[in-house]
Amino acid sequence: MLPREIPDVPGLELAYRYVPAETAAEVGGDWFDVITLRPGRCALIVGDVTGHDMRAASLMGQLRTATRTLATLDLGPAEILARLDQITADLTNEETSATCVYAVHDTSTGEWDMARAGHPLPVVVRPGHAATFLDLPPGMPLGLGTGQDETVRVQPPPGSTLVFYTDGLIERRTADLGTGMARLAGLLTRLSTVLTRLSSVKVQPATSIEGVASAYRTGHWSPASYCPGGSR
């Protein structure tokens, strides 16, 4: 699920893409959102509910609404995820869970406070440098009732792009997640020198996956996004 409108955030640019599963009968639980907090701060959320059915889509909608409500409290990322963990546990059974990364940006300092609940690691992309994954504690997926996530403060170098995504971009039936992460990092490294054309690059997905990706740019080069295929 995509937000109806992306707010303008001073000092940041945002690009995104969403590619649904190929099977028309399937619906998914991927979502992302951008929420303006108090002046000079905004939150970015990317999440993924397990499954490709109406139950997953329904839970995704409920979690997205709950996240927007909690964001108005301007709590830290780890506390937001702890509350979402309990909400997810109350709404689902043991077979259903969700992953999420919650990041808050301070435009006055350029710093990001981030926490993740079992979600894939964000990637930092810089022109002329190898793409790298942020070192964030993994946390546990939402719905397990642990609420043991940790907030980490990071400050990417000026001109960096932070890429957030769901696991559909790195999962392949014939390879492990490590291979998919290496493939994503390699692709973003190669594309970091082709800035103006980055948003038009397409990478073919495996069958019946879905993915959502968004990228924040903090500097003076064009915003970028990565996707497994399709267009914005």
Protein backbone atom coordinates (compact mmCIF):
# COMPACT_ATOMS: atom_id res chain seq x y z
CA MET A 1 0.00 0.00 0.00
CA LEU A 2 1.32 3.41 -1.00
CA PRO A 3 0.56 6.72 0.69
CA ARG A 4 -1.86 8.94 -1.16
CA GLU A 5 0.51 11.87 -0.93
CA ILE A 6 4.20 12.21 -0.10
CA PRO A 7 4.93 15.26 2.06
CA ASP A 8 7.65 17.70 1.11
CA VAL A 9 10.53 17.40 3.56
CA PRO A 10 13.22 20.14 3.45
CA GLY A 11 16.64 18.70 2.68
CA LEU A 12 15.32 15.33 1.47
CA GLU A 13 14.03 13.87 -1.77
CA LEU A 14 12.05 10.65 -2.02
CA ALA A 15 11.55 8.16 -4.82
CA TYR A 16 9.62 4.91 -4.57
CA ARG A 17 8.31 1.94 -6.50
CA TYR A 18 5.88 -0.83 -5.74
CA VAL A 19 5.70 -4.05 -7.76
CA PRO A 20 2.87 -6.44 -6.83
CA ALA A 21 3.02 -10.20 -7.15
CA GLU A 22 2.55 -11.36 -10.74
CA THR A 23 -0.47 -13.55 -10.00
CA ALA A 24 -3.53 -11.37 -10.38
CA ALA A 25 -5.45 -13.32 -7.72
CA GLU A 26 -2.82 -12.55 -5.11
CA VAL A 27 -2.72 -9.47 -2.94
CA GLY A 28 0.11 -8.56 -0.67
CA GLY A 29 1.02 -7.06 2.65
CA ASP A 30 3.83 -4.67 1.68
CA TRP A 31 3.49 -1.01 2.61
CA PHE A 32 5.44 2.15 3.18
CA ASP A 33 4.62 5.57 4.52
CA VAL A 34 6.15 8.98 5.09
CA ILE A 35 4.80 10.93 8.06
CA THR A 36 5.57 14.52 9.06
CA LEU A 37 6.21 14.80 12.79
CA ARG A 38 7.00 18.01 14.65
CA PRO A 39 8.79 20.69 12.58
CA GLY A 40 12.09 19.44 11.23
CA ARG A 41 11.36 15.74 11.73
CA CYS A 42 9.71 13.07 9.63
CA ALA A 43 9.24 9.31 9.86
CA LEU A 44 9.72 6.71 7.14
CA ILE A 45 8.12 3.30 7.59
CA VAL A 46 8.48 0.22 5.40
CA GLY A 47 6.70 -2.98 6.40
CA ASP A 48 5.75 -6.41 5.13
CA VAL A 49 3.07 -8.79 6.39
CA THR A 50 3.64 -12.47 5.65
CA GLY A 51 1.38 -13.98 3.01
CA HIS A 52 -0.27 -13.01 -0.26
CA ASP A 53 -3.97 -13.11 0.56
CA MET A 54 -6.76 -10.91 1.84
CA ARG A 55 -5.78 -11.63 5.43
CA ALA A 56 -2.31 -10.24 4.81
CA ALA A 57 -3.73 -7.19 3.05
CA SER A 58 -6.21 -6.58 5.87
CA LEU A 59 -3.53 -6.80 8.55
CA MET A 60 -1.28 -4.54 6.53
CA GLY A 61 -4.01 -1.89 6.41
CA GLN A 62 -4.57 -2.14 10.15
CA LEU A 63 -0.87 -1.88 10.94
CA ARG A 64 -0.42 1.08 8.62
CA THR A 65 -3.29 2.89 10.36
CA ALA A 66 -1.91 1.99 13.79
CA THR A 67 1.54 3.23 12.79
CA ARG A 68 0.21 6.58 11.66
CA THR A 69 -1.67 6.94 14.95
CA LEU A 70 1.37 6.04 17.05
CA ALA A 71 3.56 8.40 15.01
CA THR A 72 1.53 11.35 16.31
CA LEU A 73 2.95 10.59 19.77
CA ASP A 74 6.47 11.22 18.39
CA LEU A 75 7.92 8.25 20.27
CA GLY A 76 11.28 6.68 19.51
CA PRO A 77 11.44 4.02 16.79
CA ALA A 78 11.99 1.14 19.21
CA GLU A 79 9.01 2.16 21.31
CA ILE A 80 6.83 2.48 18.21
CA LEU A 81 7.81 -1.04 17.13
CA ALA A 82 7.20 -2.42 20.62
CA ARG A 83 3.64 -1.12 20.52
CA LEU A 84 3.14 -2.39 16.98
CA ASP A 85 4.41 -5.78 18.14
CA GLN A 86 1.66 -6.01 20.74
CA ILE A 87 -0.99 -4.75 18.32
CA THR A 88 0.09 -7.37 15.75
CA ALA A 89 -0.04 -10.12 18.39
CA ASP A 90 -3.57 -9.07 19.33
CA LEU A 91 -4.73 -9.08 15.70
CA THR A 92 -3.15 -12.29 14.41
CA ASN A 93 -2.46 -15.92 15.17
CA GLU A 94 0.93 -17.54 15.63
CA GLU A 95 1.25 -18.27 11.91
CA THR A 96 1.10 -14.62 10.86
CA SER A 97 3.70 -11.97 11.53
CA ALA A 98 5.12 -8.83 9.98
CA THR A 99 8.46 -7.11 9.60
CA CYS A 100 9.03 -3.38 9.75
CA VAL A 101 11.71 -0.72 9.79
CA TYR A 102 10.85 2.62 11.39
CA ALA A 103 13.20 5.56 10.78
CA VAL A 104 13.00 9.16 11.96
CA HIS A 105 14.99 11.90 10.24
CA ASP A 106 16.05 15.17 11.85
CA THR A 107 16.54 17.75 9.12
CA SER A 108 18.54 20.09 11.37
CA THR A 109 21.30 17.54 12.03
CA GLY A 110 20.96 15.05 9.17
CA GLU A 111 20.73 12.24 11.73
CA TRP A 112 18.44 9.21 11.50
CA ASP A 113 17.07 7.22 14.43
CA MET A 114 16.18 3.72 13.25
CA ALA A 115 14.89 0.44 14.57
CA ARG A 116 13.85 -2.70 12.75
CA ALA A 117 11.66 -5.65 13.62
CA GLY A 118 13.03 -8.52 11.56
CA HIS A 119 13.12 -6.38 8.42
CA PRO A 120 15.88 -6.39 5.76
CA LEU A 121 18.70 -3.92 6.35
CA PRO A 122 18.57 -0.50 4.66
CA VAL A 123 21.34 0.26 2.16
CA VAL A 124 23.52 3.38 1.96
CA VAL A 125 24.48 4.36 -1.60
CA ARG A 126 27.13 7.00 -2.40
CA PRO A 127 28.43 8.01 -5.82
CA GLY A 128 31.78 6.36 -6.42
CA HIS A 129 31.55 4.09 -3.38
CA ALA A 130 30.40 0.52 -2.79
CA ALA A 131 26.85 0.28 -1.47
CA THR A 132 26.80 -0.81 2.17
CA PHE A 133 24.16 -2.16 4.53
CA LEU A 134 23.55 -0.30 7.77
CA ASP A 135 24.53 -2.11 10.95
CA LEU A 136 21.21 -2.29 12.80
CA PRO A 137 20.14 -4.84 15.43
CA PRO A 138 17.80 -7.33 13.73
CA GLY A 139 14.94 -7.30 16.20
CA MET A 140 12.15 -9.85 16.05
CA PRO A 141 9.19 -9.80 13.65
CA LEU A 142 6.05 -8.06 14.84
CA GLY A 143 3.47 -10.30 16.45
CA LEU A 144 5.79 -12.47 18.52
CA GLY A 145 5.21 -10.42 21.65
CA THR A 146 8.87 -9.71 22.38
CA GLY A 147 9.05 -5.95 21.84
CA GLN A 148 12.84 -6.07 22.17
CA ASP A 149 13.89 -3.71 19.42
CA GLU A 150 16.71 -1.19 19.73
CA THR A 151 17.00 2.32 18.31
CA VAL A 152 20.28 3.19 16.59
CA ARG A 153 21.32 6.69 15.47
CA VAL A 154 23.11 6.97 12.14
CA GLN A 155 24.29 9.89 10.03
CA PRO A 156 25.02 8.97 6.41
CA PRO A 157 27.54 11.19 4.59
CA PRO A 158 26.13 14.16 2.65
CA GLY A 159 25.02 13.13 -0.82
CA SER A 160 24.04 9.64 0.30
CA THR A 161 20.86 7.81 -0.60
CA LEU A 162 19.22 5.47 1.89
CA VAL A 163 17.36 2.61 0.22
CA PHE A 164 14.60 0.80 2.12
CA TYR A 165 12.84 -2.22 0.63
CA THR A 166 10.91 -5.40 1.39
CA ASP A 167 12.23 -8.94 1.11
CA GLY A 168 10.64 -9.51 -2.29
CA LEU A 169 13.60 -7.62 -3.76
CA ILE A 170 16.19 -10.04 -2.39
CA GLU A 171 14.37 -13.37 -2.14
CA ARG A 172 14.83 -16.00 -4.81
CA ARG A 173 13.63 -19.58 -4.71
CA THR A 174 17.02 -20.81 -5.87
CA ALA A 175 19.27 -18.68 -3.62
CA ASP A 176 19.59 -17.67 0.01
CA LEU A 177 19.03 -14.15 1.36
CA GLY A 178 22.76 -13.49 1.58
CA THR A 179 23.05 -13.96 -2.16
CA GLY A 180 20.10 -11.66 -2.75
CA MET A 181 21.57 -8.96 -0.53
CA ALA A 182 24.90 -9.17 -2.32
CA ARG A 183 23.11 -8.89 -5.66
CA LEU A 184 21.21 -5.80 -4.51
CA ALA A 185 24.37 -4.14 -3.14
CA GLY A 186 26.25 -4.88 -6.35
CA LEU A 187 23.49 -3.43 -8.48
CA LEU A 188 23.22 -0.26 -6.40
CA THR A 189 27.00 0.15 -6.48
CA ARG A 190 27.04 -0.02 -10.27
CA LEU A 191 24.11 2.37 -10.57
CA SER A 192 25.56 4.94 -8.18
CA THR A 193 27.54 6.44 -11.05
CA VAL A 194 24.53 6.65 -13.39
CA LEU A 195 22.50 8.96 -11.22
CA THR A 196 20.08 10.52 -13.68
CA ARG A 197 19.08 7.17 -15.18
CA LEU A 198 18.80 5.17 -11.98
CA SER A 199 15.03 5.38 -11.60
CA SER A 200 14.49 3.86 -15.05
CA VAL A 201 16.52 0.70 -14.46
CA LYS A 202 14.51 -2.51 -14.27
CA VAL A 203 15.54 -5.85 -12.82
CA GLN A 204 13.36 -8.84 -13.56
CA PRO A 205 11.84 -10.51 -10.48
CA ALA A 206 11.32 -14.15 -9.67
CA THR A 207 7.81 -15.50 -10.14
CA SER A 208 5.07 -14.30 -7.78
CA ILE A 209 7.01 -11.94 -5.57
CA GLU A 210 6.23 -8.41 -4.65
CA GLY A 211 8.42 -5.58 -3.52
CA VAL A 212 8.25 -2.00 -2.37
CA ALA A 213 11.31 0.22 -2.27
CA SER A 214 11.85 3.83 -1.29
CA ALA A 215 14.95 5.99 -1.17
CA TYR A 216 15.81 9.14 0.71
CA ARG A 217 18.47 11.38 -0.83
CA THR A 218 20.38 13.75 1.45
CA GLY A 219 22.56 15.95 -0.71
CA HIS A 220 22.89 17.23 -4.23
CA TRP A 221 22.40 14.23 -6.50
CA SER A 222 19.23 12.88 -8.04
CA PRO A 223 16.85 10.70 -5.97
CA ALA A 224 17.02 7.01 -6.76
CA SER A 225 15.03 3.85 -6.28
CA TYR A 226 15.57 0.18 -6.90
CA CYS A 227 12.85 -2.19 -7.99
CA PRO A 228 12.53 -5.70 -9.33
CA GLY A 229 10.55 -4.52 -12.36
CA GLY A 230 7.72 -2.27 -13.45
CA SER A 231 7.41 1.46 -12.86
CA ARG A 232 6.30 3.95 -10.28
